[in-house]
Amino acid sequence: MFLSTTTNNLDAKGRVSVPSDFRAVVGDGVFDGIVVWPSFDGEYLEGGGIALMQEYLGSLETMDHYDEGRMALQRAIFAESRKLSFDGGGRVTLPKELAEYAGLNGKATFVGLGRRFEIWDPEKYQSHIGDVRRLARENRNRLVSLRPGAGSGGDA
């Protein structure tokens, strides 16, 4: 699970250190890195590991092959994705077009969201977080209760 928010330096070559907790989540022995794509919800990047991409593929497989929505999602996620391998120091090199899309210039903020994460320009993220907290407060009653016997039926 991707947790926490961390801001790291982005060097002139586009290299940025991926938080160690994030690296541990994607380590599957097959591909040692992350997958990143431009968000279609704003000027930031979305990402995850190969397991997340397989989940997206499985979800899309339930749709008709020629459904316009399916094709749009495939193009927005898979066609624009980049597999970024870790170097020996846990860094990846963000392609220039991805860094420019997200407005990253010198720093990158990694935002853990459970099964996926986002990469933001730190200033844009800070201006966005107030609205996120307000919306979260307004929607907190939608969370399933974690009390024993409530919601999922399991012990908390």
C-alpha atoms as a PDB file:
ATOM      1  CA  MET A   1       0.000   0.000   0.000  1.00  0.00           C
ATOM      2  CA  PHE A   2       1.339   3.454  -0.932  1.00  0.00           C
ATOM      3  CA  LEU A   3       1.237   5.688   2.153  1.00  0.00           C
ATOM      4  CA  SER A   4       2.483   9.168   3.082  1.00  0.00           C
ATOM      5  CA  THR A   5       3.508  12.287   1.208  1.00  0.00           C
ATOM      6  CA  THR A   6       7.166  12.968   0.456  1.00  0.00           C
ATOM      7  CA  THR A   7       8.893  15.707  -1.522  1.00  0.00           C
ATOM      8  CA  ASN A   8      12.219  14.865  -3.173  1.00  0.00           C
ATOM      9  CA  ASN A   9      14.637  16.746  -5.396  1.00  0.00           C
ATOM     10  CA  LEU A  10      14.404  16.353  -9.161  1.00  0.00           C
ATOM     11  CA  ASP A  11      17.766  16.897 -10.840  1.00  0.00           C
ATOM     12  CA  ALA A  12      18.491  18.451 -14.237  1.00  0.00           C
ATOM     13  CA  LYS A  13      18.555  14.995 -15.858  1.00  0.00           C
ATOM     14  CA  GLY A  14      15.058  14.225 -14.558  1.00  0.00           C
ATOM     15  CA  ARG A  15      16.218  11.812 -11.858  1.00  0.00           C
ATOM     16  CA  VAL A  16      14.205  11.651  -8.652  1.00  0.00           C
ATOM     17  CA  SER A  17      14.458   9.346  -5.663  1.00  0.00           C
ATOM     18  CA  VAL A  18      11.303   7.270  -5.187  1.00  0.00           C
ATOM     19  CA  PRO A  19      10.416   7.029  -1.468  1.00  0.00           C
ATOM     20  CA  SER A  20      11.747   3.773  -0.033  1.00  0.00           C
ATOM     21  CA  ASP A  21       8.281   2.767   1.226  1.00  0.00           C
ATOM     22  CA  PHE A  22       6.963   3.123  -2.335  1.00  0.00           C
ATOM     23  CA  ARG A  23       9.825   1.026  -3.721  1.00  0.00           C
ATOM     24  CA  ALA A  24       8.975  -1.745  -1.258  1.00  0.00           C
ATOM     25  CA  VAL A  25       5.359  -1.844  -2.501  1.00  0.00           C
ATOM     26  CA  VAL A  26       6.238  -2.417  -6.162  1.00  0.00           C
ATOM     27  CA  GLY A  27       8.998  -4.967  -5.628  1.00  0.00           C
ATOM     28  CA  ASP A  28       7.666  -8.105  -7.307  1.00  0.00           C
ATOM     29  CA  GLY A  29      10.890  -9.667  -8.616  1.00  0.00           C
ATOM     30  CA  VAL A  30       9.747  -9.263 -12.233  1.00  0.00           C
ATOM     31  CA  PHE A  31      10.088  -5.519 -12.826  1.00  0.00           C
ATOM     32  CA  ASP A  32      12.112  -3.361 -10.431  1.00  0.00           C
ATOM     33  CA  GLY A  33      10.490   0.015 -10.949  1.00  0.00           C
ATOM     34  CA  ILE A  34       7.283   1.996 -11.223  1.00  0.00           C
ATOM     35  CA  VAL A  35       4.790   2.771 -13.966  1.00  0.00           C
ATOM     36  CA  VAL A  36       3.801   6.435 -14.424  1.00  0.00           C
ATOM     37  CA  TRP A  37       1.363   8.240 -16.746  1.00  0.00           C
ATOM     38  CA  PRO A  38      -0.150  11.741 -17.097  1.00  0.00           C
ATOM     39  CA  SER A  39      -3.332  12.057 -15.050  1.00  0.00           C
ATOM     40  CA  PHE A  40      -6.454  12.820 -17.021  1.00  0.00           C
ATOM     41  CA  ASP A  41      -7.806  14.629 -13.938  1.00  0.00           C
ATOM     42  CA  GLY A  42      -5.179  17.368 -13.674  1.00  0.00           C
ATOM     43  CA  GLU A  43      -1.593  18.484 -14.161  1.00  0.00           C
ATOM     44  CA  TYR A  44       0.085  15.738 -12.163  1.00  0.00           C
ATOM     45  CA  LEU A  45       1.245  12.182 -12.752  1.00  0.00           C
ATOM     46  CA  GLU A  46      -0.351   8.960 -11.585  1.00  0.00           C
ATOM     47  CA  GLY A  47       1.530   5.774 -10.939  1.00  0.00           C
ATOM     48  CA  GLY A  48       1.799   2.365  -9.399  1.00  0.00           C
ATOM     49  CA  GLY A  49       3.371  -0.987  -9.980  1.00  0.00           C
ATOM     50  CA  ILE A  50       2.786  -3.697 -12.556  1.00  0.00           C
ATOM     51  CA  ALA A  51       0.132  -5.230 -10.262  1.00  0.00           C
ATOM     52  CA  LEU A  52      -1.967  -2.060 -10.562  1.00  0.00           C
ATOM     53  CA  MET A  53      -1.645  -2.113 -14.340  1.00  0.00           C
ATOM     54  CA  GLN A  54      -2.833  -5.728 -14.324  1.00  0.00           C
ATOM     55  CA  GLU A  55      -5.844  -4.691 -12.211  1.00  0.00           C
ATOM     56  CA  TYR A  56      -6.688  -1.935 -14.701  1.00  0.00           C
ATOM     57  CA  LEU A  57      -6.364  -4.409 -17.563  1.00  0.00           C
ATOM     58  CA  GLY A  58      -8.655  -6.880 -15.807  1.00  0.00           C
ATOM     59  CA  SER A  59     -11.253  -4.187 -15.239  1.00  0.00           C
ATOM     60  CA  LEU A  60     -11.077  -3.049 -18.861  1.00  0.00           C
ATOM     61  CA  GLU A  61     -11.419  -6.646 -20.080  1.00  0.00           C
ATOM     62  CA  THR A  62     -14.987  -6.645 -18.709  1.00  0.00           C
ATOM     63  CA  MET A  63     -15.944  -3.967 -21.250  1.00  0.00           C
ATOM     64  CA  ASP A  64     -16.756  -4.492 -24.922  1.00  0.00           C
ATOM     65  CA  HIS A  65     -13.542  -4.407 -26.983  1.00  0.00           C
ATOM     66  CA  TYR A  66     -14.818  -1.563 -29.180  1.00  0.00           C
ATOM     67  CA  ASP A  67     -16.471   0.486 -26.440  1.00  0.00           C
ATOM     68  CA  GLU A  68     -15.350   4.113 -26.824  1.00  0.00           C
ATOM     69  CA  GLY A  69     -14.875   4.520 -23.067  1.00  0.00           C
ATOM     70  CA  ARG A  70     -12.675   1.427 -22.894  1.00  0.00           C
ATOM     71  CA  MET A  71     -10.558   2.645 -25.782  1.00  0.00           C
ATOM     72  CA  ALA A  72     -10.191   6.099 -24.237  1.00  0.00           C
ATOM     73  CA  LEU A  73      -9.083   4.617 -20.909  1.00  0.00           C
ATOM     74  CA  GLN A  74      -6.631   2.285 -22.634  1.00  0.00           C
ATOM     75  CA  ARG A  75      -5.082   5.197 -24.494  1.00  0.00           C
ATOM     76  CA  ALA A  76      -5.029   7.513 -21.469  1.00  0.00           C
ATOM     77  CA  ILE A  77      -3.461   4.927 -19.174  1.00  0.00           C
ATOM     78  CA  PHE A  78      -1.584   2.262 -21.131  1.00  0.00           C
ATOM     79  CA  ALA A  79      -0.500   4.173 -24.230  1.00  0.00           C
ATOM     80  CA  GLU A  80       0.827   7.105 -22.194  1.00  0.00           C
ATOM     81  CA  SER A  81       2.439   5.011 -19.449  1.00  0.00           C
ATOM     82  CA  ARG A  82       6.165   4.732 -18.987  1.00  0.00           C
ATOM     83  CA  LYS A  83       7.912   1.926 -17.128  1.00  0.00           C
ATOM     84  CA  LEU A  84      10.653   3.570 -15.066  1.00  0.00           C
ATOM     85  CA  SER A  85      13.330   1.266 -13.641  1.00  0.00           C
ATOM     86  CA  PHE A  86      15.096   2.013 -10.364  1.00  0.00           C
ATOM     87  CA  ASP A  87      18.806   2.745 -10.463  1.00  0.00           C
ATOM     88  CA  GLY A  88      21.145   1.565  -7.703  1.00  0.00           C
ATOM     89  CA  GLY A  89      20.105   4.491  -5.485  1.00  0.00           C
ATOM     90  CA  GLY A  90      16.345   3.973  -5.825  1.00  0.00           C
ATOM     91  CA  ARG A  91      15.937   6.759  -8.361  1.00  0.00           C
ATOM     92  CA  VAL A  92      14.012   6.817 -11.621  1.00  0.00           C
ATOM     93  CA  THR A  93      14.444   9.152 -14.568  1.00  0.00           C
ATOM     94  CA  LEU A  94      11.214  10.924 -15.444  1.00  0.00           C
ATOM     95  CA  PRO A  95      10.884  11.501 -19.182  1.00  0.00           C
ATOM     96  CA  LYS A  96      10.968  15.199 -20.046  1.00  0.00           C
ATOM     97  CA  GLU A  97       7.405  15.211 -21.425  1.00  0.00           C
ATOM     98  CA  LEU A  98       6.020  13.759 -18.178  1.00  0.00           C
ATOM     99  CA  ALA A  99       7.933  16.219 -16.003  1.00  0.00           C
ATOM    100  CA  GLU A 100       6.710  19.092 -18.180  1.00  0.00           C
ATOM    101  CA  TYR A 101       3.094  17.851 -18.097  1.00  0.00           C
ATOM    102  CA  ALA A 102       3.139  17.913 -14.289  1.00  0.00           C
ATOM    103  CA  GLY A 103       5.085  21.192 -14.118  1.00  0.00           C
ATOM    104  CA  LEU A 104       7.894  19.565 -12.135  1.00  0.00           C
ATOM    105  CA  ASN A 105      10.865  21.861 -11.762  1.00  0.00           C
ATOM    106  CA  GLY A 106      13.474  20.931  -9.174  1.00  0.00           C
ATOM    107  CA  LYS A 107      11.168  19.031  -6.788  1.00  0.00           C
ATOM    108  CA  ALA A 108       8.501  16.331  -6.947  1.00  0.00           C
ATOM    109  CA  THR A 109       5.928  15.437  -4.302  1.00  0.00           C
ATOM    110  CA  PHE A 110       4.940  11.763  -4.100  1.00  0.00           C
ATOM    111  CA  VAL A 111       1.426  11.279  -2.693  1.00  0.00           C
ATOM    112  CA  GLY A 112       0.459   7.788  -1.528  1.00  0.00           C
ATOM    113  CA  LEU A 113      -3.125   6.764  -2.276  1.00  0.00           C
ATOM    114  CA  GLY A 114      -3.253   3.135  -1.234  1.00  0.00           C
ATOM    115  CA  ARG A 115      -3.097   1.064  -4.435  1.00  0.00           C
ATOM    116  CA  ARG A 116      -1.637   3.903  -6.499  1.00  0.00           C
ATOM    117  CA  PHE A 117       0.219   7.186  -6.058  1.00  0.00           C
ATOM    118  CA  GLU A 118       0.501  10.638  -7.613  1.00  0.00           C
ATOM    119  CA  ILE A 119       3.482  12.879  -8.374  1.00  0.00           C
ATOM    120  CA  TRP A 120       2.835  16.626  -8.081  1.00  0.00           C
ATOM    121  CA  ASP A 121       4.650  19.915  -8.263  1.00  0.00           C
ATOM    122  CA  PRO A 122       4.945  20.706  -4.511  1.00  0.00           C
ATOM    123  CA  GLU A 123       3.376  24.171  -4.776  1.00  0.00           C
ATOM    124  CA  LYS A 124       0.409  22.916  -6.814  1.00  0.00           C
ATOM    125  CA  TYR A 125      -0.126  20.115  -4.321  1.00  0.00           C
ATOM    126  CA  GLN A 126      -0.073  22.483  -1.352  1.00  0.00           C
ATOM    127  CA  SER A 127      -2.661  24.737  -2.987  1.00  0.00           C
ATOM    128  CA  HIS A 128      -4.821  21.665  -3.744  1.00  0.00           C
ATOM    129  CA  ILE A 129      -4.685  19.928  -0.344  1.00  0.00           C
ATOM    130  CA  GLY A 130      -7.047  22.393   1.408  1.00  0.00           C
ATOM    131  CA  ASP A 131      -9.853  21.536  -1.025  1.00  0.00           C
ATOM    132  CA  VAL A 132      -9.103  17.834  -0.596  1.00  0.00           C
ATOM    133  CA  ARG A 133      -9.408  18.038   3.192  1.00  0.00           C
ATOM    134  CA  ARG A 134     -12.691  19.954   2.909  1.00  0.00           C
ATOM    135  CA  LEU A 135     -14.114  17.364   0.518  1.00  0.00           C
ATOM    136  CA  ALA A 136     -12.874  14.517   2.743  1.00  0.00           C
ATOM    137  CA  ARG A 137     -14.652  16.074   5.754  1.00  0.00           C
ATOM    138  CA  GLU A 138     -17.856  16.336   3.739  1.00  0.00           C
ATOM    139  CA  ASN A 139     -17.605  12.669   2.723  1.00  0.00           C
ATOM    140  CA  ARG A 140     -16.302  11.061   5.913  1.00  0.00           C
ATOM    141  CA  ASN A 141     -19.702   9.539   6.668  1.00  0.00           C
ATOM    142  CA  ARG A 142     -19.283   7.386   3.534  1.00  0.00           C
ATOM    143  CA  LEU A 143     -16.486   5.376   5.191  1.00  0.00           C
ATOM    144  CA  VAL A 144     -17.586   1.957   6.414  1.00  0.00           C
ATOM    145  CA  SER A 145     -17.390   1.732  10.175  1.00  0.00           C
ATOM    146  CA  LEU A 146     -14.341  -0.125  11.440  1.00  0.00           C
ATOM    147  CA  ARG A 147     -16.052  -1.187  14.687  1.00  0.00           C
ATOM    148  CA  PRO A 148     -16.206  -4.952  15.263  1.00  0.00           C
ATOM    149  CA  GLY A 149     -19.381  -6.367  13.770  1.00  0.00           C
ATOM    150  CA  ALA A 150     -20.115  -3.335  11.598  1.00  0.00           C
ATOM    151  CA  GLY A 151     -19.654  -3.075   7.850  1.00  0.00           C
ATOM    152  CA  SER A 152     -17.287  -5.782   6.601  1.00  0.00           C
ATOM    153  CA  GLY A 153     -18.193  -8.306   9.279  1.00  0.00           C
ATOM    154  CA  GLY A 154     -14.589  -8.749  10.393  1.00  0.00           C
ATOM    155  CA  ASP A 155     -12.779  -7.771  13.536  1.00  0.00           C
ATOM    156  CA  ALA A 156     -10.908  -4.488  13.472  1.00  0.00           C
END
